[in-house]
């Protein structure tokens, strides 16, 4: 025989009024009730950047929100005030890194467009005829570049050299492709351009591109992709 039993209930005490429309009540592990923002019971995306950088814990504002800080980094803050950075130039917290770009040149001789992540851009310098150095600052990751020049930028033996120097001491090898600026044609070993990469000193990878004079004043484009 079944006996009906009155369902237990909890009488809620009055909470302070919610900060605005769209808030719901939730509780923590101790049963303390509080207001949170909610969009369809999920998480709110703040369209306006916030004026502070969240901490990993202890946040009291923008709970249950996806926010963008003053550095353009994106964070998720949960209802307990814990936060995780999901994208940004700093590379912390996972997610996809933010890319930056810069155009580098050496006294107007050659120009290089670089893509990187980090607070400081790589630096291109010239150490001698046809000899160039690309320095990657500590905390910066180089994703790729394209470098333009012509037969006036070569060594006396018609080569051009690029030393990629990692301030952090890493070996930055790259996959290179040489392109004729005038036609867009790709050149490689069949055209006598056999790129050689060596390590003259720790943290430096030197690439030498031979037989580059045939491109004339119309020039060449060297595309580099670090691996």
N, C-alpha and C. Protein backbone atom coordinates (compact mmCIF):
# COMPACT_ATOMS: atom_id res chain seq x y z
N UNK A 1 0.84 -1.19 0.00
CA UNK A 1 0.00 0.00 0.00
C UNK A 1 0.88 1.24 0.00
N UNK A 2 0.59 2.14 -0.90
CA UNK A 2 1.38 3.34 -1.01
C UNK A 2 0.81 4.44 -0.15
N UNK A 3 1.72 5.16 0.50
CA UNK A 3 1.31 6.28 1.34
C UNK A 3 1.92 7.55 0.80
N UNK A 4 1.12 8.55 0.58
CA UNK A 4 1.66 9.81 0.06
C UNK A 4 2.39 10.54 1.17
N UNK A 5 3.55 11.07 0.79
CA UNK A 5 4.37 11.81 1.74
C UNK A 5 4.61 13.19 1.16
N UNK A 6 4.41 14.17 1.96
CA UNK A 6 4.64 15.53 1.48
C UNK A 6 6.10 15.72 1.12
N UNK A 7 6.34 16.30 -0.05
CA UNK A 7 7.71 16.53 -0.50
C UNK A 7 8.38 17.55 0.40
N UNK A 8 9.66 17.33 0.77
CA UNK A 8 10.36 18.32 1.60
C UNK A 8 10.56 19.60 0.81
N UNK A 9 10.60 20.68 1.49
CA UNK A 9 10.83 21.96 0.82
C UNK A 9 11.72 22.81 1.70
N UNK A 10 12.37 23.76 1.05
CA UNK A 10 13.25 24.69 1.75
C UNK A 10 12.69 26.08 1.57
N UNK A 11 12.50 26.75 2.67
CA UNK A 11 12.00 28.12 2.60
C UNK A 11 13.19 29.05 2.42
N UNK A 12 13.22 29.76 1.28
CA UNK A 12 14.32 30.67 0.99
C UNK A 12 14.18 31.97 1.76
N UNK A 13 15.26 32.43 2.30
CA UNK A 13 15.28 33.75 2.87
C UNK A 13 15.49 34.76 1.75
N UNK A 14 15.09 35.97 1.99
CA UNK A 14 15.24 37.00 0.96
C UNK A 14 16.71 37.29 0.70
N UNK A 15 17.08 37.34 -0.58
CA UNK A 15 18.40 37.78 -0.98
C UNK A 15 18.35 39.26 -1.27
N UNK A 16 19.52 39.87 -1.33
CA UNK A 16 19.56 41.24 -1.80
C UNK A 16 19.07 41.27 -3.24
N UNK A 17 18.46 42.36 -3.66
CA UNK A 17 18.00 42.44 -5.06
C UNK A 17 19.14 42.17 -6.03
N UNK A 18 18.83 41.54 -7.17
CA UNK A 18 19.86 41.25 -8.17
C UNK A 18 20.40 42.55 -8.76
N UNK A 19 21.64 42.54 -9.28
CA UNK A 19 22.23 43.75 -9.85
C UNK A 19 21.52 44.25 -11.10
N UNK A 20 20.71 43.39 -11.70
CA UNK A 20 20.02 43.82 -12.92
C UNK A 20 19.27 42.66 -13.54
N UNK A 21 18.83 42.84 -14.76
CA UNK A 21 18.06 41.82 -15.47
C UNK A 21 18.97 40.68 -15.90
N UNK A 22 18.42 39.47 -15.98
CA UNK A 22 19.17 38.34 -16.51
C UNK A 22 19.99 37.58 -15.49
N UNK A 23 19.76 37.81 -14.18
CA UNK A 23 20.50 37.10 -13.14
C UNK A 23 19.68 35.93 -12.63
N UNK A 24 20.37 34.85 -12.23
CA UNK A 24 19.71 33.70 -11.64
C UNK A 24 20.39 33.37 -10.31
N UNK A 25 19.70 32.55 -9.49
CA UNK A 25 20.22 32.17 -8.18
C UNK A 25 20.94 30.83 -8.29
N UNK A 26 22.11 30.74 -7.68
CA UNK A 26 22.81 29.47 -7.59
C UNK A 26 23.40 29.36 -6.18
N UNK A 27 23.95 28.21 -5.84
CA UNK A 27 24.55 28.02 -4.52
C UNK A 27 25.94 27.42 -4.67
N UNK A 28 26.78 27.68 -3.65
CA UNK A 28 28.10 27.06 -3.65
C UNK A 28 28.06 25.76 -2.86
N UNK A 29 29.23 25.16 -2.62
CA UNK A 29 29.29 23.86 -1.95
C UNK A 29 28.79 23.92 -0.50
N UNK A 30 28.79 25.12 0.06
CA UNK A 30 28.32 25.29 1.44
C UNK A 30 26.85 25.68 1.53
N UNK A 31 26.18 25.71 0.39
CA UNK A 31 24.77 26.04 0.39
C UNK A 31 24.47 27.52 0.41
N UNK A 32 25.49 28.34 0.24
CA UNK A 32 25.28 29.78 0.23
C UNK A 32 24.75 30.20 -1.14
N UNK A 33 23.63 30.90 -1.13
CA UNK A 33 23.01 31.31 -2.38
C UNK A 33 23.51 32.69 -2.79
N UNK A 34 23.65 32.89 -4.11
CA UNK A 34 24.06 34.19 -4.64
C UNK A 34 23.59 34.31 -6.08
N UNK A 35 23.65 35.53 -6.57
CA UNK A 35 23.21 35.82 -7.93
C UNK A 35 24.35 35.60 -8.92
N UNK A 36 24.03 35.06 -10.11
CA UNK A 36 24.98 35.01 -11.20
C UNK A 36 24.27 35.45 -12.47
N UNK A 37 25.07 35.96 -13.40
CA UNK A 37 24.50 36.28 -14.71
C UNK A 37 24.34 35.00 -15.49
N UNK A 38 23.37 34.97 -16.36
CA UNK A 38 23.11 33.75 -17.12
C UNK A 38 22.47 34.10 -18.44
N UNK A 39 22.91 33.43 -19.49
CA UNK A 39 22.26 33.53 -20.79
C UNK A 39 21.83 32.11 -21.16
N UNK A 40 20.54 31.89 -21.18
CA UNK A 40 19.99 30.57 -21.43
C UNK A 40 20.59 29.55 -20.48
N UNK A 41 20.82 29.97 -19.21
CA UNK A 41 21.35 29.07 -18.23
C UNK A 41 22.82 28.75 -18.42
N UNK A 42 23.51 29.44 -19.33
CA UNK A 42 24.90 29.13 -19.61
C UNK A 42 25.79 30.27 -19.18
N UNK A 43 26.64 30.74 -20.05
CA UNK A 43 27.63 31.74 -19.70
C UNK A 43 27.46 32.97 -20.58
N UNK A 44 27.76 34.12 -20.02
CA UNK A 44 27.55 35.37 -20.74
C UNK A 44 28.86 35.83 -21.37
N UNK A 45 28.77 36.36 -22.58
CA UNK A 45 29.93 36.92 -23.27
C UNK A 45 29.86 38.43 -23.14
N UNK A 46 30.83 39.02 -22.47
CA UNK A 46 30.87 40.47 -22.29
C UNK A 46 31.43 41.10 -23.57
N UNK A 47 30.61 41.90 -24.24
CA UNK A 47 31.03 42.48 -25.51
C UNK A 47 31.97 43.67 -25.33
N UNK A 48 31.91 44.31 -24.18
CA UNK A 48 32.77 45.46 -23.92
C UNK A 48 33.98 45.01 -23.11
N UNK A 49 35.21 45.32 -23.55
CA UNK A 49 36.41 44.93 -22.77
C UNK A 49 36.35 45.45 -21.34
N UNK A 50 36.83 44.66 -20.41
CA UNK A 50 36.86 45.07 -19.01
C UNK A 50 38.10 45.92 -18.75
N UNK A 51 38.14 46.58 -17.60
CA UNK A 51 39.22 47.54 -17.31
C UNK A 51 40.32 46.95 -16.44
N UNK A 52 40.33 45.62 -16.24
CA UNK A 52 41.34 45.01 -15.38
C UNK A 52 41.75 43.66 -15.97
N UNK A 53 42.86 43.12 -15.49
CA UNK A 53 43.32 41.80 -15.89
C UNK A 53 42.92 40.80 -14.83
N UNK A 54 42.09 39.81 -15.16
CA UNK A 54 41.66 38.83 -14.16
C UNK A 54 42.84 38.07 -13.55
N UNK A 55 42.66 37.58 -12.33
CA UNK A 55 43.63 36.70 -11.69
C UNK A 55 43.12 35.27 -11.79
N UNK A 56 43.99 34.31 -11.50
CA UNK A 56 43.59 32.91 -11.64
C UNK A 56 42.51 32.51 -10.64
N UNK A 57 42.40 33.25 -9.53
CA UNK A 57 41.35 32.98 -8.55
C UNK A 57 41.03 34.27 -7.81
N UNK A 58 39.90 34.26 -7.10
CA UNK A 58 39.55 35.41 -6.28
C UNK A 58 38.89 36.56 -7.01
N UNK A 59 38.48 36.37 -8.24
CA UNK A 59 37.78 37.44 -8.95
C UNK A 59 36.38 37.61 -8.38
N UNK A 60 35.93 38.84 -8.27
CA UNK A 60 34.61 39.12 -7.70
C UNK A 60 33.67 39.76 -8.71
N UNK A 61 34.20 40.16 -9.85
CA UNK A 61 33.37 40.76 -10.90
C UNK A 61 33.35 39.87 -12.13
N UNK A 62 32.33 40.07 -12.97
CA UNK A 62 32.21 39.36 -14.25
C UNK A 62 32.17 37.85 -14.08
N UNK A 63 31.52 37.39 -12.98
CA UNK A 63 31.41 35.95 -12.76
C UNK A 63 30.55 35.31 -13.85
N UNK A 64 30.94 34.10 -14.24
CA UNK A 64 30.26 33.37 -15.31
C UNK A 64 30.25 34.15 -16.62
N UNK A 65 31.37 34.77 -16.92
CA UNK A 65 31.46 35.55 -18.15
C UNK A 65 32.75 35.25 -18.91
N UNK A 66 32.66 35.41 -20.23
CA UNK A 66 33.84 35.44 -21.10
C UNK A 66 34.17 36.91 -21.31
N UNK A 67 35.40 37.31 -20.97
CA UNK A 67 35.75 38.73 -21.00
C UNK A 67 37.04 38.93 -21.77
N UNK A 68 37.25 40.18 -22.20
CA UNK A 68 38.49 40.58 -22.85
C UNK A 68 39.14 41.66 -22.00
N UNK A 69 40.42 41.44 -21.62
CA UNK A 69 41.09 42.39 -20.74
C UNK A 69 41.74 43.53 -21.54
N UNK A 70 42.37 44.51 -20.89
CA UNK A 70 42.97 45.64 -21.61
C UNK A 70 44.09 45.25 -22.57
N UNK A 71 44.67 44.03 -22.40
CA UNK A 71 45.73 43.56 -23.29
C UNK A 71 45.19 42.74 -24.46
N UNK A 72 43.85 42.73 -24.61
CA UNK A 72 43.17 41.97 -25.67
C UNK A 72 43.24 40.46 -25.45
N UNK A 73 43.60 40.04 -24.23
CA UNK A 73 43.56 38.63 -23.90
C UNK A 73 42.15 38.24 -23.47
N UNK A 74 41.73 37.03 -23.85
CA UNK A 74 40.38 36.56 -23.55
C UNK A 74 40.42 35.60 -22.36
N UNK A 75 39.51 35.82 -21.41
CA UNK A 75 39.43 35.01 -20.19
C UNK A 75 38.02 34.46 -20.00
N UNK A 76 37.94 33.32 -19.32
CA UNK A 76 36.67 32.80 -18.83
C UNK A 76 36.73 32.84 -17.31
N UNK A 77 35.75 33.50 -16.69
CA UNK A 77 35.66 33.57 -15.23
C UNK A 77 34.43 32.77 -14.81
N UNK A 78 34.62 31.78 -13.92
CA UNK A 78 33.48 30.97 -13.51
C UNK A 78 32.77 31.59 -12.32
N UNK A 79 31.74 30.89 -11.84
CA UNK A 79 30.90 31.45 -10.78
C UNK A 79 31.62 31.54 -9.45
N UNK A 80 32.75 30.80 -9.29
CA UNK A 80 33.51 30.84 -8.05
C UNK A 80 34.61 31.90 -8.09
N UNK A 81 34.73 32.62 -9.20
CA UNK A 81 35.76 33.64 -9.30
C UNK A 81 37.09 33.14 -9.84
N UNK A 82 37.15 31.86 -10.23
CA UNK A 82 38.37 31.33 -10.85
C UNK A 82 38.37 31.67 -12.34
N UNK A 83 39.55 31.94 -12.89
CA UNK A 83 39.64 32.37 -14.29
C UNK A 83 40.73 31.60 -15.03
N UNK A 84 40.56 31.47 -16.33
CA UNK A 84 41.57 30.88 -17.18
C UNK A 84 41.67 31.71 -18.45
N UNK A 85 42.90 31.97 -18.89
CA UNK A 85 43.10 32.72 -20.13
C UNK A 85 43.08 31.75 -21.29
N UNK A 86 42.21 31.99 -22.26
CA UNK A 86 42.04 31.05 -23.36
C UNK A 86 42.69 31.51 -24.65
N UNK A 87 43.10 32.77 -24.73
CA UNK A 87 43.86 33.23 -25.89
C UNK A 87 44.56 34.51 -25.53
N UNK A 88 45.62 34.81 -26.28
CA UNK A 88 46.34 36.05 -26.03
C UNK A 88 47.79 35.96 -26.40
N UNK A 89 48.45 37.11 -26.51
CA UNK A 89 49.84 37.17 -26.95
C UNK A 89 50.79 36.52 -25.97
N UNK A 90 50.38 36.44 -24.69
CA UNK A 90 51.28 35.87 -23.70
C UNK A 90 51.42 34.36 -23.82
N UNK A 91 50.46 33.70 -24.47
CA UNK A 91 50.55 32.27 -24.68
C UNK A 91 50.18 31.44 -23.47
N UNK A 92 49.79 32.04 -22.34
CA UNK A 92 49.45 31.27 -21.15
C UNK A 92 47.99 30.89 -21.17
N UNK A 93 47.68 29.76 -20.53
CA UNK A 93 46.30 29.37 -20.36
C UNK A 93 45.71 28.60 -21.52
N UNK A 94 46.52 28.22 -22.51
CA UNK A 94 46.03 27.43 -23.60
C UNK A 94 45.37 28.25 -24.66
N UNK A 95 44.66 27.58 -25.58
CA UNK A 95 44.01 28.27 -26.67
C UNK A 95 44.99 28.63 -27.77
N UNK A 96 44.49 29.31 -28.77
CA UNK A 96 45.33 29.72 -29.89
C UNK A 96 46.04 31.02 -29.57
N UNK A 97 47.31 31.15 -29.95
CA UNK A 97 48.02 32.39 -29.67
C UNK A 97 47.56 33.51 -30.58
N UNK A 98 47.74 34.73 -30.11
CA UNK A 98 47.47 35.88 -30.95
C UNK A 98 48.70 36.17 -31.79
N UNK A 99 48.48 36.55 -33.04
CA UNK A 99 49.59 36.85 -33.94
C UNK A 99 49.80 38.35 -34.01
N UNK A 100 51.05 38.73 -34.14
CA UNK A 100 51.41 40.11 -34.43
C UNK A 100 52.27 40.09 -35.68
N UNK A 101 52.41 41.22 -36.33
CA UNK A 101 53.22 41.30 -37.54
C UNK A 101 54.05 42.57 -37.50
N UNK A 102 55.15 42.54 -38.24
CA UNK A 102 56.03 43.71 -38.30
C UNK A 102 56.77 43.70 -39.63
N UNK A 103 57.05 44.87 -40.15
CA UNK A 103 57.85 45.02 -41.36
C UNK A 103 59.23 45.52 -40.95
N UNK A 104 60.26 44.74 -41.28
CA UNK A 104 61.62 45.04 -40.91
C UNK A 104 62.43 45.39 -42.15
N UNK A 105 63.36 46.33 -42.03
CA UNK A 105 64.25 46.62 -43.14
C UNK A 105 65.60 47.06 -42.60
N UNK A 106 66.61 46.96 -43.46
CA UNK A 106 67.96 47.35 -43.10
C UNK A 106 68.41 48.44 -44.06
N UNK A 107 68.32 49.68 -43.62
CA UNK A 107 68.74 50.84 -44.43
C UNK A 107 68.12 50.84 -45.82
N UNK A 108 66.93 50.30 -45.93
CA UNK A 108 66.25 50.28 -47.21
C UNK A 108 66.77 49.23 -48.18
N UNK A 109 67.76 48.42 -47.76
CA UNK A 109 68.33 47.42 -48.66
C UNK A 109 67.38 46.26 -48.90
N UNK A 110 66.97 45.63 -47.84
CA UNK A 110 66.04 44.50 -47.94
C UNK A 110 64.90 44.76 -46.97
N UNK A 111 63.80 44.07 -47.19
CA UNK A 111 62.67 44.20 -46.27
C UNK A 111 62.15 42.82 -45.93
N UNK A 112 61.66 42.68 -44.71
CA UNK A 112 61.16 41.40 -44.23
C UNK A 112 59.87 41.63 -43.47
N UNK A 113 58.87 40.84 -43.81
CA UNK A 113 57.59 40.85 -43.10
C UNK A 113 57.56 39.62 -42.21
N UNK A 114 57.39 39.80 -40.91
CA UNK A 114 57.42 38.67 -39.97
C UNK A 114 56.08 38.53 -39.27
N UNK A 115 55.76 37.29 -38.93
CA UNK A 115 54.60 36.97 -38.10
C UNK A 115 55.14 36.31 -36.83
N UNK A 116 54.68 36.81 -35.68
CA UNK A 116 55.22 36.32 -34.42
C UNK A 116 54.19 36.45 -33.32
N UNK A 117 54.51 35.86 -32.17
CA UNK A 117 53.71 36.02 -30.98
C UNK A 117 54.65 36.41 -29.85
N UNK A 118 54.29 37.42 -29.08
CA UNK A 118 55.15 37.88 -28.00
C UNK A 118 55.06 39.39 -27.84
N UNK A 119 55.73 39.90 -26.84
CA UNK A 119 55.66 41.32 -26.57
C UNK A 119 56.65 42.14 -27.39
N UNK A 120 57.70 41.50 -27.92
CA UNK A 120 58.72 42.22 -28.68
C UNK A 120 58.88 41.61 -30.06
N UNK A 121 58.99 42.45 -31.08
CA UNK A 121 59.15 41.98 -32.46
C UNK A 121 60.59 41.54 -32.70
N UNK A 122 60.79 40.56 -33.60
CA UNK A 122 62.15 40.22 -34.01
C UNK A 122 62.84 41.43 -34.64
N UNK A 123 64.17 41.39 -34.69
CA UNK A 123 64.97 42.50 -35.20
C UNK A 123 65.88 42.00 -36.32
N UNK A 124 65.88 42.72 -37.46
CA UNK A 124 66.73 42.38 -38.59
C UNK A 124 67.89 43.36 -38.67
N UNK A 125 69.13 42.84 -38.74
CA UNK A 125 70.32 43.69 -38.85
C UNK A 125 71.22 43.16 -39.95
N UNK A 126 72.18 43.99 -40.36
CA UNK A 126 73.16 43.63 -41.37
C UNK A 126 74.54 43.64 -40.74
N UNK A 127 75.31 42.56 -40.97
CA UNK A 127 76.65 42.47 -40.41
C UNK A 127 77.74 42.58 -41.46
N UNK A 128 77.38 42.53 -42.73
CA UNK A 128 78.33 42.62 -43.82
C UNK A 128 77.61 42.50 -45.14
N UNK A 129 78.33 42.60 -46.25
CA UNK A 129 77.72 42.49 -47.57
C UNK A 129 77.05 41.13 -47.72
N UNK A 130 75.73 41.14 -47.92
CA UNK A 130 74.99 39.89 -48.10
C UNK A 130 74.81 39.07 -46.84
N UNK A 131 75.14 39.64 -45.69
CA UNK A 131 75.06 38.90 -44.43
C UNK A 131 74.09 39.60 -43.48
N UNK A 132 73.05 38.88 -43.07
CA UNK A 132 71.99 39.48 -42.25
C UNK A 132 71.70 38.59 -41.05
N UNK A 133 71.17 39.22 -40.00
CA UNK A 133 70.87 38.51 -38.76
C UNK A 133 69.44 38.85 -38.35
N UNK A 134 68.66 37.82 -38.07
CA UNK A 134 67.31 37.99 -37.54
C UNK A 134 67.33 37.52 -36.09
N UNK A 135 67.16 38.45 -35.16
CA UNK A 135 67.22 38.12 -33.73
C UNK A 135 65.81 38.00 -33.16
N UNK A 136 65.56 36.88 -32.49
CA UNK A 136 64.26 36.62 -31.86
C UNK A 136 64.41 36.87 -30.36
N UNK A 137 63.73 37.88 -29.80
CA UNK A 137 63.86 38.17 -28.36
C UNK A 137 63.32 37.02 -27.51
N UNK A 138 63.81 36.94 -26.28
CA UNK A 138 63.26 35.95 -25.34
C UNK A 138 61.78 36.23 -25.12
N UNK A 139 60.97 35.18 -25.08
CA UNK A 139 59.53 35.34 -24.91
C UNK A 139 58.78 35.55 -26.20
N UNK A 140 59.48 35.60 -27.32
CA UNK A 140 58.83 35.78 -28.63
C UNK A 140 58.96 34.49 -29.44
N UNK A 141 57.88 34.12 -30.11
CA UNK A 141 57.87 32.94 -30.98
C UNK A 141 57.71 33.41 -32.42
N UNK A 142 58.61 32.99 -33.29
CA UNK A 142 58.56 33.34 -34.71
C UNK A 142 57.76 32.29 -35.46
N UNK A 143 56.72 32.73 -36.18
CA UNK A 143 55.89 31.78 -36.94
C UNK A 143 56.24 31.73 -38.41
N UNK A 144 56.79 32.79 -38.95
CA UNK A 144 57.15 32.78 -40.36
C UNK A 144 57.49 34.17 -40.86
N UNK A 145 58.05 34.23 -42.08
CA UNK A 145 58.39 35.53 -42.66
C UNK A 145 58.55 35.39 -44.16
N UNK A 146 58.47 36.53 -44.86
CA UNK A 146 58.93 36.59 -46.25
C UNK A 146 59.85 37.78 -46.39
N UNK A 147 60.95 37.56 -47.11
CA UNK A 147 62.09 38.48 -47.14
C UNK A 147 62.40 38.80 -48.59
N UNK A 148 62.41 40.07 -48.95
CA UNK A 148 62.67 40.47 -50.33
C UNK A 148 64.03 41.13 -50.46
N UNK A 149 64.65 40.89 -51.60
CA UNK A 149 65.95 41.49 -51.90
C UNK A 149 66.25 41.32 -53.37
N UNK A 150 67.46 41.76 -53.81
CA UNK A 150 67.86 41.59 -55.21
C UNK A 150 69.37 41.41 -55.28
N UNK A 151 69.92 41.47 -56.52
CA UNK A 151 71.33 41.16 -56.69
C UNK A 151 72.27 42.19 -56.10
N UNK A 152 71.75 43.31 -55.58
CA UNK A 152 72.61 44.30 -54.93
C UNK A 152 72.80 43.98 -53.45
N UNK A 153 72.11 42.95 -52.96
CA UNK A 153 72.17 42.60 -51.54
C UNK A 153 73.01 41.36 -51.26
N UNK A 154 73.82 40.93 -52.24
CA UNK A 154 74.52 39.65 -52.13
C UNK A 154 75.96 39.83 -51.65
N UNK A 155 76.56 38.70 -51.29
CA UNK A 155 77.99 38.68 -50.97
C UNK A 155 78.79 38.71 -52.27
N UNK A 156 80.09 38.73 -52.14
CA UNK A 156 80.95 38.71 -53.32
C UNK A 156 80.89 37.42 -54.10
N UNK A 157 80.35 36.37 -53.48
CA UNK A 157 80.22 35.07 -54.16
C UNK A 157 78.77 34.81 -54.56
N UNK A 158 77.96 35.87 -54.61
CA UNK A 158 76.56 35.79 -55.06
C UNK A 158 75.67 34.93 -54.16
N UNK A 159 75.97 34.94 -52.88
CA UNK A 159 75.09 34.28 -51.92
C UNK A 159 74.45 35.34 -51.04
N UNK A 160 73.43 34.94 -50.34
CA UNK A 160 72.88 35.78 -49.27
C UNK A 160 72.73 34.90 -48.05
N UNK A 161 73.06 35.46 -46.88
CA UNK A 161 73.08 34.68 -45.65
C UNK A 161 72.10 35.27 -44.63
N UNK A 162 71.45 34.38 -43.92
CA UNK A 162 70.55 34.81 -42.84
C UNK A 162 70.82 33.95 -41.61
N UNK A 163 71.28 34.59 -40.56
CA UNK A 163 71.47 33.90 -39.29
C UNK A 163 70.28 34.20 -38.39
N UNK A 164 69.57 33.17 -37.99
CA UNK A 164 68.43 33.33 -37.07
C UNK A 164 68.95 33.08 -35.66
N UNK A 165 68.94 34.12 -34.84
CA UNK A 165 69.50 34.05 -33.50
C UNK A 165 68.37 34.04 -32.48
N UNK A 166 68.34 33.02 -31.66
CA UNK A 166 67.35 32.92 -30.59
C UNK A 166 67.97 33.42 -29.30
N UNK A 167 67.42 34.49 -28.73
CA UNK A 167 67.94 35.01 -27.46
C UNK A 167 67.74 34.02 -26.33
N UNK A 168 66.80 33.09 -26.51
CA UNK A 168 66.56 32.06 -25.50
C UNK A 168 67.49 30.85 -25.68
N UNK A 169 68.32 30.89 -26.74
CA UNK A 169 69.27 29.80 -26.97
C UNK A 169 68.73 28.62 -27.73
N UNK A 170 67.56 28.77 -28.39
CA UNK A 170 66.96 27.67 -29.14
C UNK A 170 67.58 27.55 -30.53
N UNK A 171 67.47 26.37 -31.12
CA UNK A 171 67.89 26.15 -32.50
C UNK A 171 66.67 26.35 -33.40
N UNK A 172 66.64 27.44 -34.16
CA UNK A 172 65.48 27.76 -34.98
C UNK A 172 65.80 27.39 -36.43
N UNK A 173 65.57 26.13 -36.78
CA UNK A 173 65.67 25.71 -38.18
C UNK A 173 64.40 26.15 -38.89
N UNK A 174 64.45 26.22 -40.22
CA UNK A 174 63.28 26.65 -40.98
C UNK A 174 63.23 25.93 -42.32
N UNK A 175 62.04 25.83 -42.85
CA UNK A 175 61.83 25.37 -44.23
C UNK A 175 61.78 26.61 -45.10
N UNK A 176 62.64 26.66 -46.12
CA UNK A 176 62.75 27.85 -46.96
C UNK A 176 62.28 27.57 -48.38
N UNK A 177 61.72 28.60 -49.01
CA UNK A 177 61.33 28.56 -50.41
C UNK A 177 61.76 29.86 -51.06
N UNK A 178 62.47 29.76 -52.19
CA UNK A 178 62.93 30.94 -52.92
C UNK A 178 62.01 31.17 -54.11
N UNK A 179 61.50 32.39 -54.22
CA UNK A 179 60.53 32.75 -55.26
C UNK A 179 61.06 33.93 -56.06
N UNK A 180 60.91 33.86 -57.39
CA UNK A 180 61.28 35.00 -58.24
C UNK A 180 60.23 36.09 -58.08
N UNK A 181 60.65 37.29 -57.70
CA UNK A 181 59.70 38.37 -57.46
C UNK A 181 58.95 38.76 -58.73
N UNK A 182 59.60 38.66 -59.87
CA UNK A 182 58.99 39.12 -61.13
C UNK A 182 57.93 38.16 -61.65
N UNK A 183 58.14 36.84 -61.45
CA UNK A 183 57.26 35.85 -62.07
C UNK A 183 56.47 35.01 -61.07
N UNK A 184 56.93 34.98 -59.80
CA UNK A 184 56.28 34.13 -58.82
C UNK A 184 56.71 32.68 -58.90
N UNK A 185 57.69 32.38 -59.76
CA UNK A 185 58.16 31.00 -59.89
C UNK A 185 59.00 30.59 -58.69
N UNK A 186 58.86 29.34 -58.30
CA UNK A 186 59.62 28.81 -57.18
C UNK A 186 60.91 28.18 -57.68
N UNK A 187 62.00 28.40 -56.94
CA UNK A 187 63.30 27.86 -57.31
C UNK A 187 63.83 27.03 -56.15
N UNK A 188 64.64 26.03 -56.53
CA UNK A 188 65.21 25.16 -55.51
C UNK A 188 66.47 24.51 -56.00
N UNK A 189 66.67 23.25 -55.62
CA UNK A 189 67.91 22.55 -55.94
C UNK A 189 68.13 22.41 -57.45
N UNK A 190 67.07 22.22 -58.23
CA UNK A 190 67.24 22.08 -59.68
C UNK A 190 67.78 23.34 -60.31
N UNK A 191 67.55 24.48 -59.65
CA UNK A 191 68.07 25.75 -60.16
C UNK A 191 69.40 26.10 -59.51
N UNK A 192 69.97 25.14 -58.77
CA UNK A 192 71.26 25.36 -58.14
C UNK A 192 71.19 26.10 -56.81
N UNK A 193 69.99 26.29 -56.28
CA UNK A 193 69.85 26.97 -54.99
C UNK A 193 69.67 25.90 -53.92
N UNK A 194 70.78 25.43 -53.39
CA UNK A 194 70.76 24.41 -52.35
C UNK A 194 71.02 25.10 -51.01
N UNK A 195 69.97 25.33 -50.26
CA UNK A 195 70.08 26.04 -48.99
C UNK A 195 70.77 25.17 -47.95
N UNK A 196 71.77 25.75 -47.28
CA UNK A 196 72.51 25.02 -46.26
C UNK A 196 72.32 25.72 -44.92
N UNK A 197 71.96 24.94 -43.90
CA UNK A 197 71.77 25.48 -42.55
C UNK A 197 72.79 24.86 -41.60
N UNK A 198 73.53 25.73 -40.91
CA UNK A 198 74.53 25.27 -39.95
C UNK A 198 74.34 26.00 -38.62
N UNK A 199 75.07 25.54 -37.59
CA UNK A 199 75.00 26.15 -36.27
C UNK A 199 76.40 26.67 -35.91
N UNK A 200 76.71 27.90 -36.26
CA UNK A 200 78.05 28.42 -35.95
C UNK A 200 78.27 28.66 -34.46
N UNK A 201 77.21 29.03 -33.74
CA UNK A 201 77.28 29.23 -32.29
C UNK A 201 75.97 28.76 -31.68
N UNK A 202 75.98 28.55 -30.37
CA UNK A 202 74.76 28.10 -29.68
C UNK A 202 73.65 29.13 -29.85
N UNK A 203 72.46 28.66 -30.18
CA UNK A 203 71.31 29.54 -30.35
C UNK A 203 71.24 30.24 -31.69
N UNK A 204 72.14 29.89 -32.62
CA UNK A 204 72.16 30.52 -33.95
C UNK A 204 72.10 29.46 -35.03
N UNK A 205 71.18 29.62 -35.97
CA UNK A 205 71.13 28.77 -37.15
C UNK A 205 71.33 29.65 -38.37
N UNK A 206 72.40 29.38 -39.11
CA UNK A 206 72.79 30.20 -40.26
C UNK A 206 72.39 29.50 -41.56
N UNK A 207 71.60 30.19 -42.37
CA UNK A 207 71.17 29.66 -43.67
C UNK A 207 71.89 30.44 -44.78
N UNK A 208 72.46 29.69 -45.72
CA UNK A 208 73.16 30.30 -46.86
C UNK A 208 72.44 29.91 -48.14
N UNK A 209 72.09 30.93 -48.95
CA UNK A 209 71.38 30.72 -50.21
C UNK A 209 72.35 31.06 -51.36
N UNK A 210 72.81 30.07 -52.13
CA UNK A 210 73.78 30.32 -53.19
C UNK A 210 73.12 30.66 -54.53
N UNK A 211 73.94 31.12 -55.47
CA UNK A 211 73.50 31.35 -56.86
C UNK A 211 72.27 32.25 -56.96
N UNK A 212 72.30 33.37 -56.23
CA UNK A 212 71.13 34.25 -56.18
C UNK A 212 71.21 35.41 -57.17
N UNK A 213 72.32 35.54 -57.91
CA UNK A 213 72.49 36.70 -58.80
C UNK A 213 71.58 36.65 -60.02
N UNK A 214 71.09 35.46 -60.37
CA UNK A 214 70.28 35.33 -61.59
C UNK A 214 68.94 36.04 -61.49
N UNK A 215 68.53 36.44 -60.31
CA UNK A 215 67.25 37.14 -60.17
C UNK A 215 67.35 38.61 -60.56
N UNK A 216 68.58 39.13 -60.67
CA UNK A 216 68.77 40.50 -61.12
C UNK A 216 68.16 41.53 -60.18
N UNK A 217 67.93 42.71 -60.73
CA UNK A 217 67.40 43.80 -59.90
C UNK A 217 65.91 43.60 -59.59
N UNK A 218 65.22 42.76 -60.37
CA UNK A 218 63.81 42.50 -60.07
C UNK A 218 63.67 41.74 -58.76
N UNK A 219 64.70 40.97 -58.42
CA UNK A 219 64.79 40.42 -57.09
C UNK A 219 64.13 39.09 -56.81
N UNK A 220 64.21 38.72 -55.57
CA UNK A 220 63.72 37.44 -55.08
C UNK A 220 62.94 37.64 -53.79
N UNK A 221 62.18 36.60 -53.44
CA UNK A 221 61.48 36.56 -52.15
C UNK A 221 61.84 35.24 -51.50
N UNK A 222 62.35 35.31 -50.28
CA UNK A 222 62.66 34.10 -49.51
C UNK A 222 61.57 33.95 -48.44
N UNK A 223 60.86 32.82 -48.52
CA UNK A 223 59.80 32.54 -47.55
C UNK A 223 60.35 31.54 -46.54
N UNK A 224 60.25 31.89 -45.26
CA UNK A 224 60.76 31.02 -44.21
C UNK A 224 59.68 30.61 -43.23
N UNK A 225 59.66 29.33 -42.90
CA UNK A 225 58.71 28.79 -41.93
C UNK A 225 59.48 27.99 -40.88
N UNK A 226 59.70 28.54 -39.68
CA UNK A 226 60.42 27.80 -38.64
C UNK A 226 59.71 26.51 -38.29
N UNK A 227 60.50 25.50 -37.96
CA UNK A 227 59.94 24.19 -37.60
C UNK A 227 60.53 23.74 -36.27
